[in-house]
Amino acid sequence: MTTTFEAIYEQGKLVLPQPLPLPEKSHVRVTIETDAERAAWHELSQQSLLHAWSDPADDVFDALLQK
């Protein structure tokens, strides 16, 4: 299962705003994503989605929704 949680890095430790819903001593894998990386991925995703959503072939679905 993959779940994303926000944390703050303070004095060499990741500090969570609240406890995680995990049993004690659970092994987890932490992936670090900085704000700059997140912004870059967001921009790339937005460009890709805008391209997909602006496909004129999808206009047929808009017509069906009007009915």
PDB file of N, CA and C in Angstrom:
ATOM      1  N   MET A   1       0.854  -1.173   0.000  1.00  0.00           N
ATOM      2  CA  MET A   1       0.000   0.000   0.000  1.00  0.00           C
ATOM      3  C   MET A   1       0.898   1.233   0.000  1.00  0.00           C
ATOM      4  N   THR A   2       0.559   2.220  -0.809  1.00  0.00           N
ATOM      5  CA  THR A   2       1.300   3.473  -0.854  1.00  0.00           C
ATOM      6  C   THR A   2       0.426   4.588  -0.322  1.00  0.00           C
ATOM      7  N   THR A   3       0.953   5.333   0.627  1.00  0.00           N
ATOM      8  CA  THR A   3       0.264   6.473   1.209  1.00  0.00           C
ATOM      9  C   THR A   3       1.262   7.610   1.321  1.00  0.00           C
ATOM     10  N   THR A   4       0.817   8.814   1.059  1.00  0.00           N
ATOM     11  CA  THR A   4       1.693   9.976   1.131  1.00  0.00           C
ATOM     12  C   THR A   4       1.355  10.797   2.361  1.00  0.00           C
ATOM     13  N   PHE A   5       2.394  11.180   3.101  1.00  0.00           N
ATOM     14  CA  PHE A   5       2.244  12.023   4.269  1.00  0.00           C
ATOM     15  C   PHE A   5       3.195  13.205   4.153  1.00  0.00           C
ATOM     16  N   GLU A   6       2.778  14.343   4.623  1.00  0.00           N
ATOM     17  CA  GLU A   6       3.635  15.517   4.679  1.00  0.00           C
ATOM     18  C   GLU A   6       4.469  15.449   5.950  1.00  0.00           C
ATOM     19  N   ALA A   7       5.690  15.971   5.884  1.00  0.00           N
ATOM     20  CA  ALA A   7       6.556  16.038   7.055  1.00  0.00           C
ATOM     21  C   ALA A   7       7.462  17.254   6.910  1.00  0.00           C
ATOM     22  N   ILE A   8       8.063  17.657   8.013  1.00  0.00           N
ATOM     23  CA  ILE A   8       9.011  18.763   8.022  1.00  0.00           C
ATOM     24  C   ILE A   8      10.342  18.216   8.520  1.00  0.00           C
ATOM     25  N   TYR A   9      11.417  18.588   7.844  1.00  0.00           N
ATOM     26  CA  TYR A   9      12.749  18.157   8.243  1.00  0.00           C
ATOM     27  C   TYR A   9      13.303  19.168   9.237  1.00  0.00           C
ATOM     28  N   GLU A  10      13.530  18.735  10.470  1.00  0.00           N
ATOM     29  CA  GLU A  10      14.032  19.610  11.533  1.00  0.00           C
ATOM     30  C   GLU A  10      15.150  18.917  12.294  1.00  0.00           C
ATOM     31  N   GLN A  11      16.287  19.554  12.365  1.00  0.00           N
ATOM     32  CA  GLN A  11      17.417  19.070  13.146  1.00  0.00           C
ATOM     33  C   GLN A  11      17.734  17.601  12.868  1.00  0.00           C
ATOM     34  N   GLY A  12      17.763  17.246  11.596  1.00  0.00           N
ATOM     35  CA  GLY A  12      18.147  15.898  11.197  1.00  0.00           C
ATOM     36  C   GLY A  12      17.065  14.848  11.299  1.00  0.00           C
ATOM     37  N   LYS A  13      15.833  15.268  11.583  1.00  0.00           N
ATOM     38  CA  LYS A  13      14.739  14.295  11.710  1.00  0.00           C
ATOM     39  C   LYS A  13      13.530  14.747  10.900  1.00  0.00           C
ATOM     40  N   LEU A  14      12.775  13.789  10.415  1.00  0.00           N
ATOM     41  CA  LEU A  14      11.502  14.082   9.774  1.00  0.00           C
ATOM     42  C   LEU A  14      10.434  14.136  10.857  1.00  0.00           C
ATOM     43  N   VAL A  15       9.742  15.254  10.931  1.00  0.00           N
ATOM     44  CA  VAL A  15       8.723  15.446  11.957  1.00  0.00           C
ATOM     45  C   VAL A  15       7.357  15.417  11.290  1.00  0.00           C
ATOM     46  N   LEU A  16       6.511  14.501  11.722  1.00  0.00           N
ATOM     47  CA  LEU A  16       5.165  14.364  11.184  1.00  0.00           C
ATOM     48  C   LEU A  16       4.198  15.207  12.019  1.00  0.00           C
ATOM     49  N   PRO A  17       3.186  15.791  11.386  1.00  0.00           N
ATOM     50  CA  PRO A  17       2.236  16.597  12.148  1.00  0.00           C
ATOM     51  C   PRO A  17       1.349  15.772  13.088  1.00  0.00           C
ATOM     52  N   GLN A  18       1.228  14.491  12.812  1.00  0.00           N
ATOM     53  CA  GLN A  18       0.424  13.609  13.656  1.00  0.00           C
ATOM     54  C   GLN A  18       0.948  12.188  13.496  1.00  0.00           C
ATOM     55  N   PRO A  19       0.658  11.298  14.423  1.00  0.00           N
ATOM     56  CA  PRO A  19       1.132   9.910  14.314  1.00  0.00           C
ATOM     57  C   PRO A  19       0.562   9.218  13.073  1.00  0.00           C
ATOM     58  N   LEU A  20       1.334   8.301  12.545  1.00  0.00           N
ATOM     59  CA  LEU A  20       0.875   7.518  11.392  1.00  0.00           C
ATOM     60  C   LEU A  20       0.002   6.361  11.860  1.00  0.00           C
ATOM     61  N   PRO A  21      -0.963   5.961  11.037  1.00  0.00           N
ATOM     62  CA  PRO A  21      -1.820   4.825  11.407  1.00  0.00           C
ATOM     63  C   PRO A  21      -1.134   3.490  11.098  1.00  0.00           C
ATOM     64  N   LEU A  22       0.019   3.262  11.749  1.00  0.00           N
ATOM     65  CA  LEU A  22       0.797   2.041  11.525  1.00  0.00           C
ATOM     66  C   LEU A  22       1.108   1.384  12.866  1.00  0.00           C
ATOM     67  N   PRO A  23       1.268   0.081  12.863  1.00  0.00           N
ATOM     68  CA  PRO A  23       1.695  -0.587  14.092  1.00  0.00           C
ATOM     69  C   PRO A  23       3.127  -0.165  14.458  1.00  0.00           C
ATOM     70  N   GLU A  24       3.437  -0.173  15.732  1.00  0.00           N
ATOM     71  CA  GLU A  24       4.783   0.132  16.183  1.00  0.00           C
ATOM     72  C   GLU A  24       5.794  -0.799  15.509  1.00  0.00           C
ATOM     73  N   LYS A  25       6.961  -0.280  15.236  1.00  0.00           N
ATOM     74  CA  LYS A  25       8.090  -1.006  14.628  1.00  0.00           C
ATOM     75  C   LYS A  25       7.832  -1.396  13.182  1.00  0.00           C
ATOM     76  N   SER A  26       6.832  -0.792  12.535  1.00  0.00           N
ATOM     77  CA  SER A  26       6.580  -1.062  11.119  1.00  0.00           C
ATOM     78  C   SER A  26       7.761  -0.565  10.294  1.00  0.00           C
ATOM     79  N   HIS A  27       8.152  -1.341   9.325  1.00  0.00           N
ATOM     80  CA  HIS A  27       9.199  -0.914   8.400  1.00  0.00           C
ATOM     81  C   HIS A  27       8.527  -0.158   7.263  1.00  0.00           C
ATOM     82  N   VAL A  28       9.068   1.001   6.923  1.00  0.00           N
ATOM     83  CA  VAL A  28       8.516   1.821   5.849  1.00  0.00           C
ATOM     84  C   VAL A  28       9.648   2.266   4.935  1.00  0.00           C
ATOM     85  N   ARG A  29       9.306   2.709   3.749  1.00  0.00           N
ATOM     86  CA  ARG A  29      10.270   3.280   2.809  1.00  0.00           C
ATOM     87  C   ARG A  29       9.904   4.748   2.643  1.00  0.00           C
ATOM     88  N   VAL A  30      10.870   5.623   2.803  1.00  0.00           N
ATOM     89  CA  VAL A  30      10.645   7.062   2.709  1.00  0.00           C
ATOM     90  C   VAL A  30      11.250   7.568   1.408  1.00  0.00           C
ATOM     91  N   THR A  31      10.453   8.295   0.633  1.00  0.00           N
ATOM     92  CA  THR A  31      10.925   8.937  -0.590  1.00  0.00           C
ATOM     93  C   THR A  31      10.904  10.435  -0.368  1.00  0.00           C
ATOM     94  N   ILE A  32      12.022  11.091  -0.612  1.00  0.00           N
ATOM     95  CA  ILE A  32      12.129  12.527  -0.404  1.00  0.00           C
ATOM     96  C   ILE A  32      11.821  13.251  -1.709  1.00  0.00           C
ATOM     97  N   GLU A  33      10.871  14.152  -1.650  1.00  0.00           N
ATOM     98  CA  GLU A  33      10.485  14.976  -2.800  1.00  0.00           C
ATOM     99  C   GLU A  33      10.491  16.422  -2.315  1.00  0.00           C
ATOM    100  N   THR A  34      11.385  17.220  -2.854  1.00  0.00           N
ATOM    101  CA  THR A  34      11.460  18.612  -2.417  1.00  0.00           C
ATOM    102  C   THR A  34      10.348  19.431  -3.060  1.00  0.00           C
ATOM    103  N   ASP A  35      10.118  20.620  -2.537  1.00  0.00           N
ATOM    104  CA  ASP A  35       9.088  21.492  -3.098  1.00  0.00           C
ATOM    105  C   ASP A  35       9.392  21.834  -4.549  1.00  0.00           C
ATOM    106  N   ALA A  36      10.662  22.035  -4.896  1.00  0.00           N
ATOM    107  CA  ALA A  36      11.035  22.362  -6.279  1.00  0.00           C
ATOM    108  C   ALA A  36      10.697  21.204  -7.212  1.00  0.00           C
ATOM    109  N   GLU A  37      11.006  19.985  -6.783  1.00  0.00           N
ATOM    110  CA  GLU A  37      10.680  18.810  -7.597  1.00  0.00           C
ATOM    111  C   GLU A  37       9.172  18.649  -7.735  1.00  0.00           C
ATOM    112  N   ARG A  38       8.460  18.862  -6.659  1.00  0.00           N
ATOM    113  CA  ARG A  38       7.002  18.750  -6.692  1.00  0.00           C
ATOM    114  C   ARG A  38       6.415  19.756  -7.671  1.00  0.00           C
ATOM    115  N   ALA A  39       6.921  20.980  -7.636  1.00  0.00           N
ATOM    116  CA  ALA A  39       6.431  22.022  -8.545  1.00  0.00           C
ATOM    117  C   ALA A  39       6.718  21.651  -9.996  1.00  0.00           C
ATOM    118  N   ALA A  40       7.895  21.104 -10.251  1.00  0.00           N
ATOM    119  CA  ALA A  40       8.246  20.704 -11.619  1.00  0.00           C
ATOM    120  C   ALA A  40       7.331  19.586 -12.111  1.00  0.00           C
ATOM    121  N   TRP A  41       7.096  18.574 -11.271  1.00  0.00           N
ATOM    122  CA  TRP A  41       6.203  17.475 -11.659  1.00  0.00           C
ATOM    123  C   TRP A  41       4.774  17.969 -11.848  1.00  0.00           C
ATOM    124  N   HIS A  42       4.354  18.898 -11.007  1.00  0.00           N
ATOM    125  CA  HIS A  42       3.018  19.461 -11.137  1.00  0.00           C
ATOM    126  C   HIS A  42       2.871  20.179 -12.478  1.00  0.00           C
ATOM    127  N   GLU A  43       3.871  20.955 -12.842  1.00  0.00           N
ATOM    128  CA  GLU A  43       3.830  21.687 -14.113  1.00  0.00           C
ATOM    129  C   GLU A  43       3.793  20.722 -15.296  1.00  0.00           C
ATOM    130  N   LEU A  44       4.627  19.699 -15.270  1.00  0.00           N
ATOM    131  CA  LEU A  44       4.632  18.712 -16.354  1.00  0.00           C
ATOM    132  C   LEU A  44       3.293  17.974 -16.434  1.00  0.00           C
ATOM    133  N   SER A  45       2.742  17.607 -15.292  1.00  0.00           N
ATOM    134  CA  SER A  45       1.452  16.911 -15.275  1.00  0.00           C
ATOM    135  C   SER A  45       0.350  17.804 -15.816  1.00  0.00           C
ATOM    136  N   GLN A  46       0.368  19.067 -15.410  1.00  0.00           N
ATOM    137  CA  GLN A  46      -0.658  19.994 -15.866  1.00  0.00           C
ATOM    138  C   GLN A  46      -0.594  20.180 -17.384  1.00  0.00           C
ATOM    139  N   GLN A  47       0.614  20.313 -17.921  1.00  0.00           N
ATOM    140  CA  GLN A  47       0.760  20.460 -19.370  1.00  0.00           C
ATOM    141  C   GLN A  47       0.224  19.236 -20.101  1.00  0.00           C
ATOM    142  N   SER A  48       0.538  18.063 -19.575  1.00  0.00           N
ATOM    143  CA  SER A  48       0.080  16.822 -20.193  1.00  0.00           C
ATOM    144  C   SER A  48      -1.442  16.700 -20.129  1.00  0.00           C
ATOM    145  N   LEU A  49      -2.023  17.028 -18.984  1.00  0.00           N
ATOM    146  CA  LEU A  49      -3.476  16.939 -18.839  1.00  0.00           C
ATOM    147  C   LEU A  49      -4.188  17.963 -19.722  1.00  0.00           C
ATOM    148  N   LEU A  50      -3.657  19.167 -19.794  1.00  0.00           N
ATOM    149  CA  LEU A  50      -4.272  20.180 -20.658  1.00  0.00           C
ATOM    150  C   LEU A  50      -4.261  19.737 -22.116  1.00  0.00           C
ATOM    151  N   HIS A  51      -3.172  19.098 -22.515  1.00  0.00           N
ATOM    152  CA  HIS A  51      -3.098  18.585 -23.890  1.00  0.00           C
ATOM    153  C   HIS A  51      -4.151  17.498 -24.114  1.00  0.00           C
ATOM    154  N   ALA A  52      -4.281  16.600 -23.143  1.00  0.00           N
ATOM    155  CA  ALA A  52      -5.270  15.512 -23.272  1.00  0.00           C
ATOM    156  C   ALA A  52      -6.694  16.057 -23.255  1.00  0.00           C
ATOM    157  N   TRP A  53      -6.955  17.050 -22.405  1.00  0.00           N
ATOM    158  CA  TRP A  53      -8.313  17.584 -22.268  1.00  0.00           C
ATOM    159  C   TRP A  53      -8.714  18.481 -23.427  1.00  0.00           C
ATOM    160  N   SER A  54      -7.749  18.952 -24.208  1.00  0.00           N
ATOM    161  CA  SER A  54      -8.087  19.846 -25.314  1.00  0.00           C
ATOM    162  C   SER A  54      -8.226  19.093 -26.634  1.00  0.00           C
ATOM    163  N   ASP A  55      -8.380  17.793 -26.575  1.00  0.00           N
ATOM    164  CA  ASP A  55      -8.532  16.970 -27.778  1.00  0.00           C
ATOM    165  C   ASP A  55      -9.914  17.208 -28.381  1.00  0.00           C
ATOM    166  N   PRO A  56      -9.973  17.746 -29.615  1.00  0.00           N
ATOM    167  CA  PRO A  56     -11.274  18.013 -30.240  1.00  0.00           C
ATOM    168  C   PRO A  56     -12.115  16.757 -30.458  1.00  0.00           C
ATOM    169  N   ALA A  57     -11.472  15.595 -30.491  1.00  0.00           N
ATOM    170  CA  ALA A  57     -12.223  14.349 -30.674  1.00  0.00           C
ATOM    171  C   ALA A  57     -13.133  14.078 -29.482  1.00  0.00           C
ATOM    172  N   ASP A  58     -12.842  14.690 -28.350  1.00  0.00           N
ATOM    173  CA  ASP A  58     -13.665  14.490 -27.160  1.00  0.00           C
ATOM    174  C   ASP A  58     -14.930  15.349 -27.155  1.00  0.00           C
ATOM    175  N   ASP A  59     -15.083  16.229 -28.116  1.00  0.00           N
ATOM    176  CA  ASP A  59     -16.264  17.088 -28.154  1.00  0.00           C
ATOM    177  C   ASP A  59     -17.558  16.280 -28.238  1.00  0.00           C
ATOM    178  N   VAL A  60     -17.476  15.080 -28.772  1.00  0.00           N
ATOM    179  CA  VAL A  60     -18.657  14.234 -28.865  1.00  0.00           C
ATOM    180  C   VAL A  60     -19.206  13.934 -27.468  1.00  0.00           C
ATOM    181  N   PHE A  61     -18.330  13.803 -26.482  1.00  0.00           N
ATOM    182  CA  PHE A  61     -18.768  13.530 -25.121  1.00  0.00           C
ATOM    183  C   PHE A  61     -19.466  14.750 -24.510  1.00  0.00           C
ATOM    184  N   ASP A  62     -18.985  15.940 -24.855  1.00  0.00           N
ATOM    185  CA  ASP A  62     -19.643  17.160 -24.379  1.00  0.00           C
ATOM    186  C   ASP A  62     -21.077  17.207 -24.899  1.00  0.00           C
ATOM    187  N   ALA A  63     -21.274  16.813 -26.138  1.00  0.00           N
ATOM    188  CA  ALA A  63     -22.611  16.818 -26.726  1.00  0.00           C
ATOM    189  C   ALA A  63     -23.508  15.818 -25.999  1.00  0.00           C
ATOM    190  N   LEU A  64     -22.978  14.678 -25.640  1.00  0.00           N
ATOM    191  CA  LEU A  64     -23.767  13.676 -24.922  1.00  0.00           C
ATOM    192  C   LEU A  64     -24.156  14.176 -23.526  1.00  0.00           C
ATOM    193  N   LEU A  65     -23.272  14.931 -22.893  1.00  0.00           N
ATOM    194  CA  LEU A  65     -23.571  15.457 -21.560  1.00  0.00           C
ATOM    195  C   LEU A  65     -24.667  16.510 -21.605  1.00  0.00           C
ATOM    196  N   GLN A  66     -24.838  17.167 -22.715  1.00  0.00           N
ATOM    197  CA  GLN A  66     -25.863  18.202 -22.847  1.00  0.00           C
ATOM    198  C   GLN A  66     -27.262  17.616 -22.941  1.00  0.00           C
ATOM    199  N   LYS A  67     -27.365  16.330 -23.265  1.00  0.00           N
ATOM    200  CA  LYS A  67     -28.662  15.682 -23.426  1.00  0.00           C
ATOM    201  C   LYS A  67     -29.274  15.324 -22.099  1.00  0.00           C
TER     202      LYS A  67
END
